[in-house]
């Protein structure tokens, strides 16, 4: 079974997601509030509470900046840790510093390096990087594609790993 942690379906409107992220970023930049909980900073850190989720967010930050997905970890690291103020602040918001950026590529849940495929076809029209926990915890592995997934069986995990996952016909469960 695959459990979607953030969204009820893998098919979400990409433009809407990016637009929402930009609007949300503008609110944070303009200073909606000095209280982190009220301004949304606490929610951002909550959504990025695992290294798998942080890597997923870094994929999106990279794509937003360059208009394409990273081809490898070195490219992702080079662009996002380039010392530009806005990128440094964005990384800080998700709980990552430029100095310790490489640490997000190790799962804090199982202590093993994340396995990343830099071009998996998750949708008919989108090839993107996907990060996988190798072992996970209690039989549940996290997978970060355009959404964060909890995968509790080898068959679904292998489908994702091999790029054979059928988002159109997936059994979905929304985590409440």
N, C-alpha and C. Protein backbone atom coordinates (compact mmCIF):
# COMPACT_ATOMS: atom_id res chain seq x y z
N UNK A 1 0.84 -1.17 0.00
CA UNK A 1 0.00 0.00 0.00
C UNK A 1 0.89 1.24 0.00
N UNK A 2 0.44 2.26 -0.68
CA UNK A 2 1.14 3.53 -0.74
C UNK A 2 0.27 4.56 -0.04
N UNK A 3 0.83 5.26 0.91
CA UNK A 3 0.09 6.30 1.64
C UNK A 3 0.67 7.64 1.25
N UNK A 4 -0.18 8.52 0.78
CA UNK A 4 0.23 9.86 0.40
C UNK A 4 0.18 10.74 1.64
N UNK A 5 1.29 11.34 1.99
CA UNK A 5 1.38 12.10 3.22
C UNK A 5 0.94 13.55 3.07
N UNK A 6 0.99 14.08 1.87
CA UNK A 6 0.70 15.50 1.72
C UNK A 6 -0.49 15.81 0.85
N UNK A 7 -0.71 15.02 -0.17
CA UNK A 7 -1.75 15.31 -1.13
C UNK A 7 -2.57 14.05 -1.38
N UNK A 8 -3.88 14.16 -1.66
CA UNK A 8 -4.71 12.97 -1.86
C UNK A 8 -4.45 12.27 -3.17
N UNK A 9 -3.74 12.86 -4.11
CA UNK A 9 -3.50 12.21 -5.39
C UNK A 9 -2.17 12.65 -5.96
N UNK A 10 -1.56 11.77 -6.73
CA UNK A 10 -0.31 12.12 -7.41
C UNK A 10 -0.56 13.12 -8.53
N UNK A 11 -1.78 13.16 -9.05
CA UNK A 11 -2.08 14.07 -10.14
C UNK A 11 -2.51 15.41 -9.56
N UNK A 12 -1.60 16.30 -9.43
CA UNK A 12 -1.98 17.62 -8.98
C UNK A 12 -1.53 18.62 -10.02
N UNK A 13 -2.16 19.72 -10.03
CA UNK A 13 -1.87 20.74 -11.01
C UNK A 13 -0.55 21.40 -10.68
N UNK A 14 0.45 21.13 -11.49
CA UNK A 14 1.80 21.62 -11.26
C UNK A 14 1.84 23.15 -11.21
N UNK A 15 1.14 23.79 -12.11
CA UNK A 15 1.13 25.26 -12.13
C UNK A 15 0.53 25.80 -10.85
N UNK A 16 -0.56 25.17 -10.39
CA UNK A 16 -1.19 25.60 -9.14
C UNK A 16 -0.21 25.44 -7.98
N UNK A 17 0.50 24.33 -7.96
CA UNK A 17 1.44 24.08 -6.87
C UNK A 17 2.56 25.12 -6.85
N UNK A 18 3.13 25.41 -8.00
CA UNK A 18 4.20 26.41 -8.06
C UNK A 18 3.66 27.79 -7.72
N UNK A 19 2.48 28.12 -8.25
CA UNK A 19 1.87 29.42 -7.94
C UNK A 19 1.62 29.56 -6.45
N UNK A 20 1.10 28.50 -5.84
CA UNK A 20 0.85 28.54 -4.40
C UNK A 20 2.15 28.72 -3.63
N UNK A 21 3.20 28.01 -4.05
CA UNK A 21 4.49 28.13 -3.40
C UNK A 21 5.03 29.55 -3.51
N UNK A 22 4.88 30.17 -4.69
CA UNK A 22 5.35 31.54 -4.88
C UNK A 22 4.56 32.52 -4.01
N UNK A 23 3.25 32.36 -3.97
CA UNK A 23 2.42 33.25 -3.14
C UNK A 23 2.80 33.09 -1.67
N UNK A 24 2.96 31.83 -1.25
CA UNK A 24 3.33 31.55 0.13
C UNK A 24 4.70 32.16 0.45
N UNK A 25 5.64 32.03 -0.48
CA UNK A 25 6.97 32.61 -0.29
C UNK A 25 6.90 34.13 -0.18
N UNK A 26 6.06 34.74 -1.00
CA UNK A 26 5.90 36.20 -0.93
C UNK A 26 5.38 36.62 0.43
N UNK A 27 4.40 35.87 0.94
CA UNK A 27 3.87 36.19 2.27
C UNK A 27 4.97 36.10 3.32
N UNK A 28 5.80 35.07 3.23
CA UNK A 28 6.89 34.92 4.19
C UNK A 28 7.91 36.04 4.04
N UNK A 29 8.22 36.38 2.80
CA UNK A 29 9.21 37.42 2.54
C UNK A 29 8.71 38.78 3.03
N UNK A 30 7.44 39.05 2.83
CA UNK A 30 6.89 40.33 3.24
C UNK A 30 6.64 40.40 4.74
N UNK A 31 6.71 39.26 5.40
CA UNK A 31 6.59 39.27 6.85
C UNK A 31 5.15 39.34 7.31
N UNK A 32 4.39 38.29 7.05
CA UNK A 32 3.00 38.26 7.47
C UNK A 32 2.88 38.41 8.98
N UNK A 33 3.86 37.93 9.70
CA UNK A 33 3.82 37.99 11.15
C UNK A 33 5.19 37.70 11.70
N UNK A 34 5.47 38.18 12.89
CA UNK A 34 6.74 37.86 13.54
C UNK A 34 6.69 36.52 14.25
N UNK A 35 5.50 35.99 14.45
CA UNK A 35 5.31 34.71 15.11
C UNK A 35 5.49 33.58 14.10
N UNK A 36 6.51 32.70 14.28
CA UNK A 36 6.75 31.64 13.29
C UNK A 36 5.54 30.75 13.05
N UNK A 37 4.79 30.43 14.10
CA UNK A 37 3.62 29.58 13.92
C UNK A 37 2.58 30.29 13.06
N UNK A 38 2.38 31.57 13.29
CA UNK A 38 1.39 32.32 12.53
C UNK A 38 1.85 32.58 11.10
N UNK A 39 3.15 32.74 10.89
CA UNK A 39 3.65 33.07 9.55
C UNK A 39 3.79 31.85 8.65
N UNK A 40 3.67 30.69 9.21
CA UNK A 40 3.79 29.49 8.39
C UNK A 40 5.14 28.81 8.46
N UNK A 41 6.11 29.43 9.12
CA UNK A 41 7.43 28.81 9.20
C UNK A 41 7.39 27.48 9.93
N UNK A 42 6.57 27.41 10.95
CA UNK A 42 6.46 26.14 11.68
C UNK A 42 5.88 25.06 10.78
N UNK A 43 4.92 25.42 9.95
CA UNK A 43 4.31 24.44 9.03
C UNK A 43 5.32 23.99 7.98
N UNK A 44 6.15 24.90 7.48
CA UNK A 44 7.17 24.54 6.50
C UNK A 44 8.14 23.54 7.12
N UNK A 45 8.59 23.80 8.34
CA UNK A 45 9.52 22.88 9.00
C UNK A 45 8.84 21.54 9.29
N UNK A 46 7.56 21.58 9.63
CA UNK A 46 6.82 20.34 9.88
C UNK A 46 6.74 19.49 8.60
N UNK A 47 6.47 20.12 7.47
CA UNK A 47 6.39 19.40 6.20
C UNK A 47 7.75 18.87 5.75
N UNK A 48 8.80 19.45 6.30
CA UNK A 48 10.16 19.03 5.96
C UNK A 48 10.86 18.44 7.17
N UNK A 49 10.14 17.62 7.91
CA UNK A 49 10.68 17.06 9.16
C UNK A 49 11.62 15.89 8.93
N UNK A 50 11.61 15.30 7.74
CA UNK A 50 12.53 14.20 7.44
C UNK A 50 13.48 14.62 6.33
N UNK A 51 14.61 13.96 6.25
CA UNK A 51 15.56 14.29 5.19
C UNK A 51 15.00 13.96 3.81
N UNK A 52 14.18 12.92 3.71
CA UNK A 52 13.55 12.60 2.42
C UNK A 52 12.70 13.79 1.96
N UNK A 53 11.93 14.36 2.88
CA UNK A 53 11.09 15.51 2.53
C UNK A 53 11.95 16.73 2.17
N UNK A 54 13.06 16.92 2.89
CA UNK A 54 13.96 18.04 2.59
C UNK A 54 14.56 17.90 1.19
N UNK A 55 14.95 16.67 0.82
CA UNK A 55 15.49 16.44 -0.52
C UNK A 55 14.43 16.75 -1.56
N UNK A 56 13.21 16.32 -1.31
CA UNK A 56 12.09 16.61 -2.23
C UNK A 56 11.93 18.12 -2.42
N UNK A 57 11.94 18.86 -1.32
CA UNK A 57 11.81 20.31 -1.40
C UNK A 57 12.99 20.92 -2.16
N UNK A 58 14.18 20.38 -1.96
CA UNK A 58 15.35 20.87 -2.69
C UNK A 58 15.23 20.60 -4.19
N UNK A 59 14.66 19.45 -4.57
CA UNK A 59 14.39 19.20 -5.99
C UNK A 59 13.50 20.31 -6.55
N UNK A 60 12.46 20.65 -5.82
CA UNK A 60 11.50 21.67 -6.28
C UNK A 60 12.16 23.04 -6.32
N UNK A 61 12.98 23.36 -5.31
CA UNK A 61 13.68 24.65 -5.31
C UNK A 61 14.61 24.74 -6.52
N UNK A 62 15.31 23.67 -6.80
CA UNK A 62 16.22 23.64 -7.95
C UNK A 62 15.44 23.86 -9.24
N UNK A 63 14.35 23.11 -9.41
CA UNK A 63 13.56 23.20 -10.63
C UNK A 63 12.95 24.60 -10.79
N UNK A 64 12.52 25.18 -9.69
CA UNK A 64 11.96 26.53 -9.73
C UNK A 64 13.01 27.54 -10.16
N UNK A 65 14.24 27.33 -9.76
CA UNK A 65 15.33 28.27 -10.08
C UNK A 65 15.87 28.08 -11.50
N UNK A 66 15.98 26.83 -11.96
CA UNK A 66 16.65 26.55 -13.23
C UNK A 66 15.70 26.16 -14.37
N UNK A 67 14.43 25.90 -14.02
CA UNK A 67 13.40 25.48 -14.99
C UNK A 67 13.64 24.07 -15.52
N UNK A 68 14.41 23.28 -14.79
CA UNK A 68 14.62 21.86 -15.12
C UNK A 68 15.01 21.14 -13.85
N UNK A 69 14.96 19.82 -13.89
CA UNK A 69 15.33 19.01 -12.73
C UNK A 69 16.83 18.79 -12.70
N UNK A 70 17.42 18.61 -11.52
CA UNK A 70 18.86 18.33 -11.45
C UNK A 70 19.17 16.97 -12.05
N UNK A 71 20.36 16.85 -12.62
CA UNK A 71 20.79 15.59 -13.23
C UNK A 71 21.54 14.69 -12.26
N UNK A 72 22.06 15.30 -11.17
CA UNK A 72 22.80 14.51 -10.18
C UNK A 72 22.93 15.31 -8.89
N UNK A 73 23.44 14.67 -7.87
CA UNK A 73 23.55 15.29 -6.56
C UNK A 73 24.53 16.46 -6.57
N UNK A 74 25.63 16.34 -7.31
CA UNK A 74 26.61 17.43 -7.37
C UNK A 74 25.99 18.69 -7.94
N UNK A 75 25.20 18.54 -9.00
CA UNK A 75 24.55 19.70 -9.62
C UNK A 75 23.54 20.34 -8.66
N UNK A 76 22.76 19.52 -7.99
CA UNK A 76 21.79 20.02 -7.01
C UNK A 76 22.50 20.78 -5.90
N UNK A 77 23.55 20.20 -5.37
CA UNK A 77 24.31 20.81 -4.28
C UNK A 77 24.95 22.11 -4.72
N UNK A 78 25.58 22.11 -5.89
CA UNK A 78 26.28 23.30 -6.39
C UNK A 78 25.32 24.48 -6.52
N UNK A 79 24.15 24.25 -7.09
CA UNK A 79 23.20 25.36 -7.31
C UNK A 79 22.60 25.84 -5.99
N UNK A 80 22.18 24.92 -5.14
CA UNK A 80 21.47 25.34 -3.93
C UNK A 80 22.38 25.84 -2.82
N UNK A 81 23.66 25.54 -2.89
CA UNK A 81 24.59 26.03 -1.86
C UNK A 81 25.54 27.08 -2.44
N UNK A 82 25.09 27.79 -3.44
CA UNK A 82 25.93 28.76 -4.14
C UNK A 82 26.17 30.04 -3.35
N UNK A 83 25.60 30.14 -2.16
CA UNK A 83 25.84 31.30 -1.31
C UNK A 83 24.97 32.50 -1.61
N UNK A 84 23.95 32.30 -2.42
CA UNK A 84 23.03 33.39 -2.69
C UNK A 84 22.06 33.53 -1.52
N UNK A 85 21.87 34.75 -1.07
CA UNK A 85 21.08 35.02 0.13
C UNK A 85 19.69 34.40 0.13
N UNK A 86 18.95 34.54 -0.99
CA UNK A 86 17.59 34.00 -1.03
C UNK A 86 17.59 32.48 -0.91
N UNK A 87 18.54 31.83 -1.56
CA UNK A 87 18.62 30.37 -1.46
C UNK A 87 18.99 29.93 -0.04
N UNK A 88 19.93 30.64 0.56
CA UNK A 88 20.31 30.32 1.94
C UNK A 88 19.12 30.45 2.88
N UNK A 89 18.33 31.52 2.72
CA UNK A 89 17.15 31.72 3.57
C UNK A 89 16.10 30.64 3.31
N UNK A 90 15.92 30.26 2.05
CA UNK A 90 14.96 29.20 1.71
C UNK A 90 15.39 27.88 2.33
N UNK A 91 16.68 27.58 2.27
CA UNK A 91 17.19 26.35 2.90
C UNK A 91 16.98 26.39 4.41
N UNK A 92 17.25 27.54 5.02
CA UNK A 92 17.06 27.68 6.47
C UNK A 92 15.61 27.41 6.85
N UNK A 93 14.67 27.85 6.03
CA UNK A 93 13.25 27.65 6.33
C UNK A 93 12.86 26.19 6.39
N UNK A 94 13.57 25.34 5.64
CA UNK A 94 13.25 23.91 5.69
C UNK A 94 14.18 23.15 6.64
N UNK A 95 15.02 23.89 7.36
CA UNK A 95 15.89 23.26 8.36
C UNK A 95 17.20 22.73 7.81
N UNK A 96 17.72 23.36 6.75
CA UNK A 96 18.97 22.93 6.12
C UNK A 96 19.91 24.13 6.05
N UNK A 97 21.19 23.89 6.29
CA UNK A 97 22.17 24.96 6.09
C UNK A 97 23.08 24.56 4.94
N UNK A 98 23.65 25.56 4.29
CA UNK A 98 24.57 25.29 3.18
C UNK A 98 25.76 24.45 3.64
N UNK A 99 26.22 24.69 4.86
CA UNK A 99 27.38 23.99 5.39
C UNK A 99 27.10 22.50 5.62
N UNK A 100 25.87 22.17 5.99
CA UNK A 100 25.54 20.77 6.29
C UNK A 100 24.61 20.17 5.24
N UNK A 101 24.60 20.75 4.05
CA UNK A 101 23.66 20.34 3.01
C UNK A 101 23.74 18.84 2.70
N UNK A 102 24.96 18.30 2.65
CA UNK A 102 25.16 16.89 2.30
C UNK A 102 24.47 15.93 3.28
N UNK A 103 24.21 16.39 4.51
CA UNK A 103 23.58 15.54 5.52
C UNK A 103 22.16 15.13 5.15
N UNK A 104 21.48 15.92 4.31
CA UNK A 104 20.10 15.57 3.97
C UNK A 104 20.01 14.35 3.07
N UNK A 105 21.13 13.90 2.53
CA UNK A 105 21.13 12.73 1.65
C UNK A 105 21.29 11.42 2.41
N UNK A 106 21.16 11.48 3.74
CA UNK A 106 21.17 10.30 4.59
C UNK A 106 19.87 10.30 5.39
N UNK A 107 19.17 9.18 5.38
CA UNK A 107 17.92 9.09 6.13
C UNK A 107 18.23 9.08 7.62
N UNK A 108 17.61 9.98 8.34
CA UNK A 108 17.78 9.99 9.79
C UNK A 108 16.96 8.86 10.43
N UNK A 109 16.04 8.28 9.66
CA UNK A 109 15.19 7.19 10.19
C UNK A 109 15.92 5.85 10.19
N UNK A 110 16.69 5.53 9.14
CA UNK A 110 17.38 4.25 9.11
C UNK A 110 18.91 4.40 9.06
N UNK A 111 19.40 5.65 8.99
CA UNK A 111 20.84 5.91 9.01
C UNK A 111 21.57 5.58 7.72
N UNK A 112 20.83 5.24 6.66
CA UNK A 112 21.45 4.86 5.40
C UNK A 112 21.32 5.98 4.37
N UNK A 113 22.27 6.03 3.43
CA UNK A 113 22.17 7.04 2.37
C UNK A 113 20.87 6.84 1.57
N UNK A 114 20.27 7.95 1.19
CA UNK A 114 19.08 7.88 0.33
C UNK A 114 19.50 7.40 -1.05
N UNK A 115 18.66 6.62 -1.67
CA UNK A 115 18.88 6.20 -3.04
C UNK A 115 18.09 7.17 -3.91
N UNK A 116 18.76 7.75 -4.89
CA UNK A 116 18.09 8.74 -5.74
C UNK A 116 18.20 8.30 -7.19
N UNK A 117 17.06 8.29 -7.84
CA UNK A 117 17.01 8.09 -9.30
C UNK A 117 16.74 9.47 -9.87
N UNK A 118 17.58 9.90 -10.76
CA UNK A 118 17.54 11.28 -11.24
C UNK A 118 16.61 11.49 -12.42
N UNK A 119 15.89 10.49 -12.84
CA UNK A 119 14.94 10.66 -13.94
C UNK A 119 13.95 9.51 -14.03
N UNK A 120 12.90 9.58 -13.22
CA UNK A 120 11.85 8.56 -13.25
C UNK A 120 10.57 9.20 -13.80
N UNK A 121 9.90 8.47 -14.65
CA UNK A 121 8.66 8.96 -15.23
C UNK A 121 7.52 8.69 -14.24
N UNK A 122 7.14 9.73 -13.50
CA UNK A 122 6.08 9.59 -12.51
C UNK A 122 4.71 9.89 -13.10
N UNK A 123 4.68 10.63 -14.16
CA UNK A 123 3.46 11.00 -14.87
C UNK A 123 3.77 10.85 -16.36
N UNK A 124 2.74 10.74 -17.17
CA UNK A 124 3.00 10.61 -18.61
C UNK A 124 3.88 11.73 -19.18
N UNK A 125 3.75 12.93 -18.63
CA UNK A 125 4.48 14.06 -19.19
C UNK A 125 5.64 14.55 -18.33
N UNK A 126 5.93 13.89 -17.20
CA UNK A 126 6.95 14.41 -16.29
C UNK A 126 7.97 13.36 -15.90
N UNK A 127 9.22 13.65 -16.20
CA UNK A 127 10.32 12.82 -15.72
C UNK A 127 11.04 13.67 -14.67
N UNK A 128 11.23 13.10 -13.49
CA UNK A 128 11.74 13.88 -12.38
C UNK A 128 12.63 13.03 -11.47
N UNK A 129 13.42 13.68 -10.61
CA UNK A 129 14.21 12.92 -9.65
C UNK A 129 13.30 12.40 -8.52
N UNK A 130 13.63 11.23 -8.01
CA UNK A 130 12.86 10.62 -6.92
C UNK A 130 13.86 10.08 -5.90
N UNK A 131 13.62 10.38 -4.62
CA UNK A 131 14.48 9.92 -3.53
C UNK A 131 13.79 8.80 -2.76
N UNK A 132 14.55 7.78 -2.41
CA UNK A 132 14.03 6.59 -1.75
C UNK A 132 14.82 6.29 -0.48
N UNK A 133 14.11 5.98 0.60
CA UNK A 133 14.78 5.39 1.75
C UNK A 133 15.09 3.94 1.41
N UNK A 134 16.26 3.48 1.82
CA UNK A 134 16.64 2.10 1.51
C UNK A 134 15.91 1.09 2.39
N UNK A 135 15.86 1.35 3.69
CA UNK A 135 15.27 0.40 4.63
C UNK A 135 14.02 0.95 5.30
N UNK A 136 14.06 2.21 5.73
CA UNK A 136 12.93 2.80 6.43
C UNK A 136 12.83 2.29 7.86
N UNK A 137 11.62 2.40 8.42
CA UNK A 137 11.39 2.02 9.81
C UNK A 137 10.12 1.18 9.87
N UNK A 138 10.20 0.07 10.57
CA UNK A 138 9.04 -0.82 10.77
C UNK A 138 8.36 -1.21 9.46
N UNK A 139 9.17 -1.48 8.43
CA UNK A 139 8.62 -1.91 7.16
C UNK A 139 8.05 -0.80 6.29
N UNK A 140 8.18 0.43 6.72
CA UNK A 140 7.67 1.57 5.95
C UNK A 140 8.84 2.41 5.47
N UNK A 141 8.92 2.60 4.15
CA UNK A 141 9.97 3.42 3.55
C UNK A 141 9.34 4.68 2.97
N UNK A 142 10.03 5.80 3.13
CA UNK A 142 9.58 7.05 2.55
C UNK A 142 10.16 7.19 1.15
N UNK A 143 9.33 7.71 0.25
CA UNK A 143 9.74 7.97 -1.12
C UNK A 143 9.28 9.39 -1.45
N UNK A 144 10.21 10.19 -1.98
CA UNK A 144 9.89 11.58 -2.31
C UNK A 144 9.91 11.77 -3.82
N UNK A 145 8.72 11.95 -4.37
CA UNK A 145 8.57 12.28 -5.79
C UNK A 145 7.95 13.67 -5.81
N UNK A 146 6.88 13.86 -6.58
CA UNK A 146 6.22 15.16 -6.51
C UNK A 146 5.36 15.26 -5.26
N UNK A 147 5.17 14.14 -4.59
CA UNK A 147 4.56 14.10 -3.26
C UNK A 147 5.43 13.20 -2.39
N UNK A 148 5.21 13.24 -1.09
CA UNK A 148 5.92 12.37 -0.17
C UNK A 148 5.05 11.15 0.08
N UNK A 149 5.62 9.96 -0.12
CA UNK A 149 4.88 8.71 0.00
C UNK A 149 5.44 7.85 1.11
N UNK A 150 4.56 7.11 1.78
CA UNK A 150 4.97 6.03 2.68
C UNK A 150 4.65 4.73 1.96
N UNK A 151 5.65 3.89 1.77
CA UNK A 151 5.45 2.64 1.05
C UNK A 151 5.72 1.49 2.01
N UNK A 152 4.74 0.59 2.17
CA UNK A 152 4.88 -0.47 3.15
C UNK A 152 5.02 -1.87 2.55
N UNK A 153 5.24 -1.95 1.22
CA UNK A 153 5.47 -3.29 0.65
C UNK A 153 6.45 -3.20 -0.51
N UNK A 154 7.16 -4.31 -0.71
CA UNK A 154 8.22 -4.34 -1.72
C UNK A 154 7.70 -4.17 -3.13
N UNK A 155 6.51 -4.69 -3.42
CA UNK A 155 5.97 -4.60 -4.78
C UNK A 155 5.77 -3.14 -5.21
N UNK A 156 5.14 -2.36 -4.36
CA UNK A 156 4.92 -0.94 -4.69
C UNK A 156 6.25 -0.18 -4.73
N UNK A 157 7.14 -0.47 -3.78
CA UNK A 157 8.44 0.18 -3.75
C UNK A 157 9.21 -0.10 -5.04
N UNK A 158 9.22 -1.36 -5.46
CA UNK A 158 9.93 -1.73 -6.68
C UNK A 158 9.31 -1.10 -7.92
N UNK A 159 7.99 -0.96 -7.94
CA UNK A 159 7.34 -0.27 -9.06
C UNK A 159 7.81 1.17 -9.13
N UNK A 160 7.86 1.82 -7.99
CA UNK A 160 8.36 3.20 -7.96
C UNK A 160 9.82 3.26 -8.40
N UNK A 161 10.65 2.38 -7.85
CA UNK A 161 12.08 2.36 -8.16
C UNK A 161 12.32 2.13 -9.65
N UNK A 162 11.52 1.26 -10.26
CA UNK A 162 11.70 0.93 -11.67
C UNK A 162 10.95 1.86 -12.61
N UNK A 163 10.30 2.88 -12.07
CA UNK A 163 9.56 3.83 -12.91
C UNK A 163 8.32 3.22 -13.53
N UNK A 164 7.77 2.19 -12.90
CA UNK A 164 6.60 1.51 -13.43
C UNK A 164 5.33 1.86 -12.68
N UNK A 165 5.39 2.84 -11.83
CA UNK A 165 4.26 3.18 -10.99
C UNK A 165 3.16 3.84 -11.83
N UNK A 166 1.94 3.36 -11.69
CA UNK A 166 0.80 3.87 -12.43
C UNK A 166 0.01 4.82 -11.54
N UNK A 167 0.32 6.09 -11.62
CA UNK A 167 -0.35 7.08 -10.78
C UNK A 167 -1.84 7.15 -11.07
N UNK A 168 -2.23 6.84 -12.30
CA UNK A 168 -3.65 6.91 -12.68
C UNK A 168 -4.48 5.90 -11.90
N UNK A 169 -3.92 4.72 -11.63
CA UNK A 169 -4.69 3.64 -11.03
C UNK A 169 -4.20 3.25 -9.65
N UNK A 170 -3.46 4.13 -8.99
CA UNK A 170 -2.91 3.82 -7.68
C UNK A 170 -4.02 3.80 -6.64
N UNK A 171 -3.86 2.89 -5.66
CA UNK A 171 -4.77 2.88 -4.52
C UNK A 171 -4.28 3.98 -3.59
N UNK A 172 -5.13 4.93 -3.31
CA UNK A 172 -4.71 6.09 -2.55
C UNK A 172 -5.32 6.07 -1.16
N UNK A 173 -4.55 6.52 -0.19
CA UNK A 173 -5.05 6.74 1.16
C UNK A 173 -4.49 8.07 1.60
N UNK A 174 -5.33 8.94 2.04
CA UNK A 174 -4.86 10.22 2.52
C UNK A 174 -4.59 10.10 4.01
N UNK A 175 -3.40 10.52 4.43
CA UNK A 175 -3.04 10.50 5.85
C UNK A 175 -3.65 11.72 6.51
N UNK A 176 -4.46 11.51 7.50
CA UNK A 176 -5.13 12.63 8.19
C UNK A 176 -4.32 13.09 9.37
